Amino acid sequence: LASQGKQAHWNVIGTNFRDTHLQLDEIIDAAREFSDTIAERMRALHALPDGRSDTVAESTTLPEFPQGEIATTEVIDLITVRLEDTVGTCRDVHDAVDDEDPTSADILHAIIEKLEQFAWMISAENRTPRAS
């Protein structure tokens, strides 16, 4: 998520560029912090995290991010999908994690909450009000 966010950050263009650019920085910073928190929790449990780029690339469930300049509206949709996919992965593993280690499940709860907030906030850029 952090790598794809950076790709978007570097290549976003168009209306609301600055706001989108800065919002992507917030998501990237959080994703990096989440990775670190999970890796340190793994070490506390005597597991070995593997954050090598080849391992991450081989095991990611996120779709590949497009190359080149991308309009802000498209970046917003692409990042929203990736945020929601990441939330889905966290939810998919949650129960098994909770069975083994409720403390780690609590970490997942916090990550899910923040990612859902990011998805709501960034997707709002492209949404239009519903008619009443």
C-alpha atoms as a PDB file:
ATOM      1  CA  LEU A   1       0.000   0.000   0.000  1.00  0.00           C
ATOM      2  CA  ALA A   2       2.813   2.421   0.854  1.00  0.00           C
ATOM      3  CA  SER A   3       4.661   1.726  -2.415  1.00  0.00           C
ATOM      4  CA  GLN A   4       1.551   2.120  -4.511  1.00  0.00           C
ATOM      5  CA  GLY A   5       0.650   5.269  -2.625  1.00  0.00           C
ATOM      6  CA  LYS A   6       4.097   6.675  -3.434  1.00  0.00           C
ATOM      7  CA  GLN A   7       3.665   5.794  -7.109  1.00  0.00           C
ATOM      8  CA  ALA A   8       0.387   7.716  -7.094  1.00  0.00           C
ATOM      9  CA  HIS A   9       1.952  10.580  -5.112  1.00  0.00           C
ATOM     10  CA  TRP A  10       4.761  11.027  -7.637  1.00  0.00           C
ATOM     11  CA  ASN A  11       2.549  10.855 -10.722  1.00  0.00           C
ATOM     12  CA  VAL A  12      -0.748  12.516  -9.803  1.00  0.00           C
ATOM     13  CA  ILE A  13      -1.746  15.535 -11.886  1.00  0.00           C
ATOM     14  CA  GLY A  14      -4.800  17.719 -12.319  1.00  0.00           C
ATOM     15  CA  THR A  15      -7.514  19.439 -10.338  1.00  0.00           C
ATOM     16  CA  ASN A  16      -6.948  19.405  -6.574  1.00  0.00           C
ATOM     17  CA  PHE A  17      -3.397  18.165  -7.149  1.00  0.00           C
ATOM     18  CA  ARG A  18      -1.986  19.635  -3.946  1.00  0.00           C
ATOM     19  CA  ASP A  19      -4.729  18.282  -1.689  1.00  0.00           C
ATOM     20  CA  THR A  20      -4.515  14.826  -3.274  1.00  0.00           C
ATOM     21  CA  HIS A  21      -0.709  14.882  -3.112  1.00  0.00           C
ATOM     22  CA  LEU A  22      -0.785  15.731   0.612  1.00  0.00           C
ATOM     23  CA  GLN A  23      -3.552  13.253   1.387  1.00  0.00           C
ATOM     24  CA  LEU A  24      -1.514  10.508  -0.263  1.00  0.00           C
ATOM     25  CA  ASP A  25       1.401  11.423   2.029  1.00  0.00           C
ATOM     26  CA  GLU A  26      -0.844  10.832   5.051  1.00  0.00           C
ATOM     27  CA  ILE A  27      -1.880   7.416   3.751  1.00  0.00           C
ATOM     28  CA  ILE A  28       1.717   6.462   2.921  1.00  0.00           C
ATOM     29  CA  ASP A  29       2.980   7.502   6.352  1.00  0.00           C
ATOM     30  CA  ALA A  30       0.225   5.506   8.057  1.00  0.00           C
ATOM     31  CA  ALA A  31       0.842   2.428   5.885  1.00  0.00           C
ATOM     32  CA  ARG A  32       4.540   2.513   6.753  1.00  0.00           C
ATOM     33  CA  GLU A  33       3.734   2.883  10.447  1.00  0.00           C
ATOM     34  CA  PHE A  34       1.277  -0.039  10.250  1.00  0.00           C
ATOM     35  CA  SER A  35       3.931  -2.203   8.591  1.00  0.00           C
ATOM     36  CA  ASP A  36       6.415  -1.358  11.304  1.00  0.00           C
ATOM     37  CA  THR A  37       3.898  -2.017  14.076  1.00  0.00           C
ATOM     38  CA  ILE A  38       2.995  -5.418  12.623  1.00  0.00           C
ATOM     39  CA  ALA A  39       6.639  -6.374  12.046  1.00  0.00           C
ATOM     40  CA  GLU A  40       7.589  -5.412  15.593  1.00  0.00           C
ATOM     41  CA  ARG A  41       4.620  -7.363  16.950  1.00  0.00           C
ATOM     42  CA  MET A  42       5.780 -10.371  14.938  1.00  0.00           C
ATOM     43  CA  ARG A  43       9.253 -10.075  16.444  1.00  0.00           C
ATOM     44  CA  ALA A  44       7.739  -9.837  19.922  1.00  0.00           C
ATOM     45  CA  LEU A  45       6.085 -13.184  19.157  1.00  0.00           C
ATOM     46  CA  HIS A  46       9.380 -14.601  17.798  1.00  0.00           C
ATOM     47  CA  ALA A  47       8.160 -14.608  14.187  1.00  0.00           C
ATOM     48  CA  LEU A  48      10.299 -13.312  11.339  1.00  0.00           C
ATOM     49  CA  PRO A  49       8.785 -10.572   9.147  1.00  0.00           C
ATOM     50  CA  ASP A  50       9.926 -10.527   5.523  1.00  0.00           C
ATOM     51  CA  GLY A  51       9.700  -7.054   4.037  1.00  0.00           C
ATOM     52  CA  ARG A  52      12.083  -7.621   1.132  1.00  0.00           C
ATOM     53  CA  SER A  53      10.777  -6.008  -2.044  1.00  0.00           C
ATOM     54  CA  ASP A  54      10.725  -9.312  -3.958  1.00  0.00           C
ATOM     55  CA  THR A  55       8.684 -10.973  -1.210  1.00  0.00           C
ATOM     56  CA  VAL A  56       6.245  -8.080  -1.016  1.00  0.00           C
ATOM     57  CA  ALA A  57       5.851  -7.983  -4.814  1.00  0.00           C
ATOM     58  CA  GLU A  58       5.248 -11.742  -4.991  1.00  0.00           C
ATOM     59  CA  SER A  59       2.749 -11.853  -2.151  1.00  0.00           C
ATOM     60  CA  THR A  60       0.702  -8.676  -2.570  1.00  0.00           C
ATOM     61  CA  THR A  61      -2.978  -9.080  -3.286  1.00  0.00           C
ATOM     62  CA  LEU A  62      -3.295  -5.489  -4.500  1.00  0.00           C
ATOM     63  CA  PRO A  63      -3.664  -4.886  -8.225  1.00  0.00           C
ATOM     64  CA  GLU A  64      -0.677  -3.346  -9.984  1.00  0.00           C
ATOM     65  CA  PHE A  65      -0.710   0.443  -9.987  1.00  0.00           C
ATOM     66  CA  PRO A  66      -0.651   2.041 -13.456  1.00  0.00           C
ATOM     67  CA  GLN A  67       2.513   3.725 -14.686  1.00  0.00           C
ATOM     68  CA  GLY A  68       2.758   7.329 -15.813  1.00  0.00           C
ATOM     69  CA  GLU A  69       0.861  10.499 -15.027  1.00  0.00           C
ATOM     70  CA  ILE A  70      -2.625   9.900 -13.690  1.00  0.00           C
ATOM     71  CA  ALA A  71      -5.427  12.413 -13.154  1.00  0.00           C
ATOM     72  CA  THR A  72      -6.403  13.166  -9.575  1.00  0.00           C
ATOM     73  CA  THR A  73      -9.895  11.730 -10.045  1.00  0.00           C
ATOM     74  CA  GLU A  74      -8.487   8.407 -11.263  1.00  0.00           C
ATOM     75  CA  VAL A  75      -5.848   8.323  -8.506  1.00  0.00           C
ATOM     76  CA  ILE A  76      -8.593   8.823  -5.929  1.00  0.00           C
ATOM     77  CA  ASP A  77     -10.544   5.862  -7.318  1.00  0.00           C
ATOM     78  CA  LEU A  78      -7.415   3.683  -7.588  1.00  0.00           C
ATOM     79  CA  ILE A  79      -6.269   4.435  -4.044  1.00  0.00           C
ATOM     80  CA  THR A  80      -9.776   3.946  -2.663  1.00  0.00           C
ATOM     81  CA  VAL A  81      -9.862   0.443  -4.159  1.00  0.00           C
ATOM     82  CA  ARG A  82      -6.448  -0.343  -2.656  1.00  0.00           C
ATOM     83  CA  LEU A  83      -7.464   0.937   0.766  1.00  0.00           C
ATOM     84  CA  GLU A  84     -10.655  -1.125   0.668  1.00  0.00           C
ATOM     85  CA  ASP A  85      -8.748  -4.203  -0.551  1.00  0.00           C
ATOM     86  CA  THR A  86      -6.269  -3.829   2.312  1.00  0.00           C
ATOM     87  CA  VAL A  87      -9.145  -3.558   4.783  1.00  0.00           C
ATOM     88  CA  GLY A  88     -10.599  -6.715   3.237  1.00  0.00           C
ATOM     89  CA  THR A  89      -7.344  -8.592   3.762  1.00  0.00           C
ATOM     90  CA  CYS A  90      -7.169  -7.436   7.391  1.00  0.00           C
ATOM     91  CA  ARG A  91     -10.752  -8.594   7.935  1.00  0.00           C
ATOM     92  CA  ASP A  92     -10.059 -11.944   6.209  1.00  0.00           C
ATOM     93  CA  VAL A  93      -7.246 -12.799   8.627  1.00  0.00           C
ATOM     94  CA  HIS A  94      -8.722 -11.166  11.718  1.00  0.00           C
ATOM     95  CA  ASP A  95     -10.584 -14.131  13.220  1.00  0.00           C
ATOM     96  CA  ALA A  96      -7.660 -16.515  12.840  1.00  0.00           C
ATOM     97  CA  VAL A  97      -5.342 -13.928  14.373  1.00  0.00           C
ATOM     98  CA  ASP A  98      -7.802 -13.291  17.205  1.00  0.00           C
ATOM     99  CA  ASP A  99      -7.940 -17.031  17.981  1.00  0.00           C
ATOM    100  CA  GLU A 100      -4.149 -17.131  18.310  1.00  0.00           C
ATOM    101  CA  ASP A 101      -3.377 -13.721  19.788  1.00  0.00           C
ATOM    102  CA  PRO A 102      -6.066 -11.179  20.764  1.00  0.00           C
ATOM    103  CA  THR A 103      -3.430  -8.470  21.244  1.00  0.00           C
ATOM    104  CA  SER A 104      -2.436  -8.739  17.585  1.00  0.00           C
ATOM    105  CA  ALA A 105      -6.121  -8.664  16.638  1.00  0.00           C
ATOM    106  CA  ASP A 106      -6.406  -5.372  18.524  1.00  0.00           C
ATOM    107  CA  ILE A 107      -3.655  -3.977  16.308  1.00  0.00           C
ATOM    108  CA  LEU A 108      -5.632  -5.086  13.249  1.00  0.00           C
ATOM    109  CA  HIS A 109      -8.723  -3.313  14.644  1.00  0.00           C
ATOM    110  CA  ALA A 110      -6.818  -0.037  14.835  1.00  0.00           C
ATOM    111  CA  ILE A 111      -5.433  -0.471  11.319  1.00  0.00           C
ATOM    112  CA  ILE A 112      -8.856  -1.284   9.890  1.00  0.00           C
ATOM    113  CA  GLU A 113     -10.393   1.749  11.562  1.00  0.00           C
ATOM    114  CA  LYS A 114      -7.774   4.126  10.140  1.00  0.00           C
ATOM    115  CA  LEU A 115      -7.790   2.613   6.642  1.00  0.00           C
ATOM    116  CA  GLU A 116     -11.585   2.825   6.494  1.00  0.00           C
ATOM    117  CA  GLN A 117     -11.360   6.472   7.523  1.00  0.00           C
ATOM    118  CA  PHE A 118      -8.803   7.135   4.771  1.00  0.00           C
ATOM    119  CA  ALA A 119     -11.002   5.347   2.205  1.00  0.00           C
ATOM    120  CA  TRP A 120     -14.024   7.423   3.203  1.00  0.00           C
ATOM    121  CA  MET A 121     -12.099  10.691   3.165  1.00  0.00           C
ATOM    122  CA  ILE A 122     -10.268  10.218  -0.123  1.00  0.00           C
ATOM    123  CA  SER A 123     -13.288   8.742  -1.931  1.00  0.00           C
ATOM    124  CA  ALA A 124     -15.328  11.793  -0.887  1.00  0.00           C
ATOM    125  CA  GLU A 125     -13.263  13.821  -3.378  1.00  0.00           C
ATOM    126  CA  ASN A 126     -15.069  12.124  -6.289  1.00  0.00           C
ATOM    127  CA  ARG A 127     -18.487  11.630  -4.769  1.00  0.00           C
ATOM    128  CA  THR A 128     -21.506  13.805  -5.488  1.00  0.00           C
ATOM    129  CA  PRO A 129     -24.377  14.378  -3.078  1.00  0.00           C
ATOM    130  CA  ARG A 130     -27.365  12.081  -3.432  1.00  0.00           C
ATOM    131  CA  ALA A 131     -30.680  13.680  -4.207  1.00  0.00           C
ATOM    132  CA  SER A 132     -32.995  13.785  -1.213  1.00  0.00           C
END
